Amino acid sequence: MRPRRILHAALLPLLPVALFALGWLGLVAFRQALQAGWRDALLMAWTLAFVVGLPLALVPLAVAGRTRRGPERTRIIPSAGGKIP
């Protein structure tokens, strides 16, 4: 196995834990803003949409891009007419 694949396999179990912690901290921050008033909660919700929502959205987008790309090619195929050094 390539070292990069080993690193991905080792870090994959940490991903759900990190996403859960990020979501939990977002909910705690939103609850505190809600106690301060609805205007503060609205501003906090807008901020959390980017701070929490973007990392949560990147995971399914990365998985979708990986499945769409297909299998990795291990051979290097030069373009037609190119010289191989």
N, C-alpha and C. Protein backbone atom coordinates (compact mmCIF):
# COMPACT_ATOMS: atom_id res chain seq x y z
N MET A 1 0.85 -1.19 0.00
CA MET A 1 0.00 0.00 0.00
C MET A 1 0.88 1.24 0.00
N ARG A 2 0.37 2.25 -0.62
CA ARG A 2 1.10 3.52 -0.63
C ARG A 2 0.95 4.21 0.71
N PRO A 3 1.96 5.01 1.10
CA PRO A 3 1.89 5.69 2.40
C PRO A 3 0.68 6.63 2.52
N ARG A 4 0.28 7.22 1.44
CA ARG A 4 -0.87 8.14 1.48
C ARG A 4 -2.16 7.39 1.80
N ARG A 5 -2.31 6.20 1.22
CA ARG A 5 -3.50 5.39 1.51
C ARG A 5 -3.51 4.93 2.95
N ILE A 6 -2.33 4.61 3.48
CA ILE A 6 -2.25 4.19 4.88
C ILE A 6 -2.64 5.34 5.79
N LEU A 7 -2.19 6.55 5.47
CA LEU A 7 -2.55 7.73 6.25
C LEU A 7 -4.05 7.99 6.19
N HIS A 8 -4.65 7.88 5.01
CA HIS A 8 -6.10 8.06 4.88
C HIS A 8 -6.85 7.03 5.71
N ALA A 9 -6.41 5.79 5.65
CA ALA A 9 -7.07 4.73 6.41
C ALA A 9 -6.92 4.94 7.91
N ALA A 10 -5.79 5.50 8.34
CA ALA A 10 -5.58 5.73 9.76
C ALA A 10 -6.41 6.91 10.27
N LEU A 11 -6.59 7.92 9.45
CA LEU A 11 -7.32 9.12 9.88
C LEU A 11 -8.83 9.02 9.65
N LEU A 12 -9.28 8.06 8.89
CA LEU A 12 -10.71 7.94 8.59
C LEU A 12 -11.58 7.76 9.82
N PRO A 13 -11.20 6.98 10.84
CA PRO A 13 -12.04 6.88 12.04
C PRO A 13 -12.15 8.19 12.82
N LEU A 14 -11.18 9.08 12.67
CA LEU A 14 -11.23 10.36 13.38
C LEU A 14 -12.21 11.35 12.75
N LEU A 15 -12.55 11.14 11.50
CA LEU A 15 -13.41 12.08 10.79
C LEU A 15 -14.80 12.21 11.42
N PRO A 16 -15.53 11.13 11.69
CA PRO A 16 -16.84 11.29 12.33
C PRO A 16 -16.76 11.93 13.70
N VAL A 17 -15.71 11.62 14.44
CA VAL A 17 -15.54 12.20 15.78
C VAL A 17 -15.34 13.71 15.67
N ALA A 18 -14.50 14.13 14.73
CA ALA A 18 -14.24 15.55 14.54
C ALA A 18 -15.49 16.28 14.05
N LEU A 19 -16.24 15.68 13.16
CA LEU A 19 -17.46 16.32 12.66
C LEU A 19 -18.52 16.42 13.75
N PHE A 20 -18.62 15.38 14.58
CA PHE A 20 -19.56 15.43 15.69
C PHE A 20 -19.19 16.53 16.67
N ALA A 21 -17.90 16.64 16.99
CA ALA A 21 -17.44 17.68 17.92
C ALA A 21 -17.70 19.07 17.35
N LEU A 22 -17.47 19.24 16.06
CA LEU A 22 -17.71 20.54 15.43
C LEU A 22 -19.19 20.90 15.47
N GLY A 23 -20.05 19.94 15.17
CA GLY A 23 -21.49 20.18 15.24
C GLY A 23 -21.97 20.47 16.66
N TRP A 24 -21.42 19.74 17.62
CA TRP A 24 -21.80 19.96 19.01
C TRP A 24 -21.39 21.35 19.48
N LEU A 25 -20.18 21.77 19.16
CA LEU A 25 -19.74 23.11 19.53
C LEU A 25 -20.58 24.19 18.85
N GLY A 26 -21.00 23.93 17.63
CA GLY A 26 -21.89 24.86 16.93
C GLY A 26 -23.24 24.99 17.62
N LEU A 27 -23.78 23.86 18.08
CA LEU A 27 -25.06 23.91 18.79
C LEU A 27 -24.94 24.63 20.12
N VAL A 28 -23.83 24.42 20.82
CA VAL A 28 -23.61 25.11 22.09
C VAL A 28 -23.53 26.61 21.86
N ALA A 29 -22.79 27.02 20.84
CA ALA A 29 -22.67 28.45 20.54
C ALA A 29 -24.01 29.04 20.12
N PHE A 30 -24.79 28.29 19.37
CA PHE A 30 -26.10 28.79 18.94
C PHE A 30 -27.05 28.93 20.12
N ARG A 31 -27.02 27.95 21.04
CA ARG A 31 -27.86 28.05 22.24
C ARG A 31 -27.52 29.27 23.08
N GLN A 32 -26.24 29.56 23.21
CA GLN A 32 -25.84 30.74 23.97
C GLN A 32 -26.28 32.02 23.27
N ALA A 33 -26.19 32.06 21.96
CA ALA A 33 -26.64 33.23 21.23
C ALA A 33 -28.15 33.37 21.31
N LEU A 34 -28.86 32.26 21.36
CA LEU A 34 -30.32 32.30 21.46
C LEU A 34 -30.75 32.88 22.80
N GLN A 35 -30.00 32.63 23.84
CA GLN A 35 -30.32 33.21 25.14
C GLN A 35 -30.09 34.71 25.15
N ALA A 36 -29.20 35.20 24.30
CA ALA A 36 -28.92 36.64 24.24
C ALA A 36 -29.99 37.39 23.45
N GLY A 37 -30.75 36.68 22.63
CA GLY A 37 -31.80 37.34 21.85
C GLY A 37 -31.86 36.76 20.45
N TRP A 38 -32.96 37.03 19.77
CA TRP A 38 -33.16 36.43 18.45
C TRP A 38 -32.26 37.06 17.40
N ARG A 39 -31.90 38.34 17.56
CA ARG A 39 -30.99 38.97 16.59
C ARG A 39 -29.60 38.37 16.68
N ASP A 40 -29.13 38.18 17.89
CA ASP A 40 -27.82 37.55 18.06
C ASP A 40 -27.85 36.11 17.55
N ALA A 41 -28.95 35.41 17.76
CA ALA A 41 -29.07 34.04 17.28
C ALA A 41 -29.07 33.99 15.76
N LEU A 42 -29.69 34.98 15.12
CA LEU A 42 -29.71 35.03 13.66
C LEU A 42 -28.30 35.26 13.11
N LEU A 43 -27.57 36.17 13.74
CA LEU A 43 -26.19 36.40 13.30
C LEU A 43 -25.32 35.17 13.56
N MET A 44 -25.53 34.51 14.68
CA MET A 44 -24.77 33.30 14.97
C MET A 44 -25.11 32.18 13.99
N ALA A 45 -26.37 32.06 13.63
CA ALA A 45 -26.77 31.03 12.67
C ALA A 45 -26.12 31.28 11.32
N TRP A 46 -26.04 32.53 10.91
CA TRP A 46 -25.41 32.87 9.64
C TRP A 46 -23.91 32.52 9.68
N THR A 47 -23.27 32.81 10.79
CA THR A 47 -21.85 32.49 10.94
C THR A 47 -21.63 30.98 10.98
N LEU A 48 -22.47 30.28 11.71
CA LEU A 48 -22.33 28.83 11.83
C LEU A 48 -22.62 28.11 10.52
N ALA A 49 -23.42 28.73 9.66
CA ALA A 49 -23.68 28.12 8.36
C ALA A 49 -22.38 27.94 7.58
N PHE A 50 -21.45 28.85 7.75
CA PHE A 50 -20.17 28.74 7.06
C PHE A 50 -19.12 28.00 7.89
N VAL A 51 -19.06 28.29 9.17
CA VAL A 51 -18.02 27.70 10.02
C VAL A 51 -18.27 26.21 10.25
N VAL A 52 -19.51 25.81 10.42
CA VAL A 52 -19.84 24.41 10.66
C VAL A 52 -20.36 23.74 9.39
N GLY A 53 -21.18 24.44 8.64
CA GLY A 53 -21.80 23.85 7.46
C GLY A 53 -20.83 23.52 6.34
N LEU A 54 -19.84 24.37 6.13
CA LEU A 54 -18.90 24.12 5.04
C LEU A 54 -18.05 22.88 5.28
N PRO A 55 -17.45 22.69 6.46
CA PRO A 55 -16.70 21.43 6.66
C PRO A 55 -17.61 20.20 6.60
N LEU A 56 -18.84 20.32 7.07
CA LEU A 56 -19.76 19.18 6.99
C LEU A 56 -20.14 18.88 5.55
N ALA A 57 -20.21 19.89 4.71
CA ALA A 57 -20.57 19.69 3.30
C ALA A 57 -19.38 19.18 2.49
N LEU A 58 -18.17 19.47 2.91
CA LEU A 58 -17.00 19.04 2.15
C LEU A 58 -16.81 17.53 2.16
N VAL A 59 -17.24 16.88 3.20
CA VAL A 59 -17.06 15.43 3.28
C VAL A 59 -17.89 14.71 2.21
N PRO A 60 -19.22 14.95 2.11
CA PRO A 60 -19.95 14.26 1.04
C PRO A 60 -19.53 14.71 -0.35
N LEU A 61 -19.10 15.96 -0.50
CA LEU A 61 -18.63 16.41 -1.80
C LEU A 61 -17.34 15.70 -2.21
N ALA A 62 -16.45 15.48 -1.26
CA ALA A 62 -15.21 14.75 -1.55
C ALA A 62 -15.51 13.30 -1.92
N VAL A 63 -16.45 12.70 -1.21
CA VAL A 63 -16.81 11.31 -1.52
C VAL A 63 -17.45 11.23 -2.90
N ALA A 64 -18.31 12.17 -3.22
CA ALA A 64 -18.96 12.17 -4.53
C ALA A 64 -17.94 12.39 -5.64
N GLY A 65 -16.98 13.27 -5.42
CA GLY A 65 -15.94 13.49 -6.42
C GLY A 65 -15.04 12.29 -6.60
N ARG A 66 -14.79 11.58 -5.52
CA ARG A 66 -13.93 10.39 -5.59
C ARG A 66 -14.63 9.28 -6.37
N THR A 67 -15.92 9.10 -6.15
CA THR A 67 -16.64 8.04 -6.87
C THR A 67 -16.85 8.41 -8.33
N ARG A 68 -16.97 9.67 -8.62
CA ARG A 68 -17.19 10.11 -9.99
C ARG A 68 -15.91 9.99 -10.82
N ARG A 69 -14.76 10.18 -10.18
CA ARG A 69 -13.48 10.14 -10.88
C ARG A 69 -13.14 8.74 -11.36
N GLY A 70 -13.56 7.74 -10.63
CA GLY A 70 -13.29 6.37 -11.03
C GLY A 70 -11.99 5.86 -10.45
N PRO A 71 -11.56 4.68 -10.90
CA PRO A 71 -10.35 4.10 -10.33
C PRO A 71 -9.11 4.90 -10.75
N GLU A 72 -8.12 4.90 -9.85
CA GLU A 72 -6.88 5.60 -10.15
C GLU A 72 -6.08 4.81 -11.18
N ARG A 73 -5.42 5.54 -12.03
CA ARG A 73 -4.59 4.89 -13.04
C ARG A 73 -3.17 4.80 -12.50
N THR A 74 -2.60 3.64 -12.61
CA THR A 74 -1.26 3.45 -12.09
C THR A 74 -0.20 3.62 -13.17
N ARG A 75 -0.58 3.52 -14.43
CA ARG A 75 0.39 3.66 -15.52
C ARG A 75 0.35 5.08 -16.06
N ILE A 76 1.49 5.54 -16.52
CA ILE A 76 1.56 6.84 -17.17
C ILE A 76 1.51 6.58 -18.67
N ILE A 77 0.52 7.13 -19.31
CA ILE A 77 0.36 6.94 -20.75
C ILE A 77 0.64 8.29 -21.42
N PRO A 78 1.70 8.36 -22.24
CA PRO A 78 2.01 9.64 -22.89
C PRO A 78 0.98 9.97 -23.97
N SER A 79 0.87 11.25 -24.29
CA SER A 79 -0.06 11.65 -25.33
C SER A 79 0.45 11.15 -26.68
N ALA A 80 -0.45 11.07 -27.65
CA ALA A 80 -0.09 10.54 -28.94
C ALA A 80 0.99 11.39 -29.59
N GLY A 81 2.03 10.76 -30.08
CA GLY A 81 3.10 11.46 -30.76
C GLY A 81 4.18 12.00 -29.84
N GLY A 82 4.03 11.83 -28.53
CA GLY A 82 5.03 12.35 -27.60
C GLY A 82 6.17 11.37 -27.42
N LYS A 83 7.33 11.92 -27.13
CA LYS A 83 8.50 11.07 -26.90
C LYS A 83 8.57 10.68 -25.43
N ILE A 84 8.96 9.46 -25.20
CA ILE A 84 9.15 8.98 -23.83
C ILE A 84 10.62 9.13 -23.49
N PRO A 85 10.96 9.92 -22.48
CA PRO A 85 12.38 10.12 -22.16
C PRO A 85 13.06 8.88 -21.63
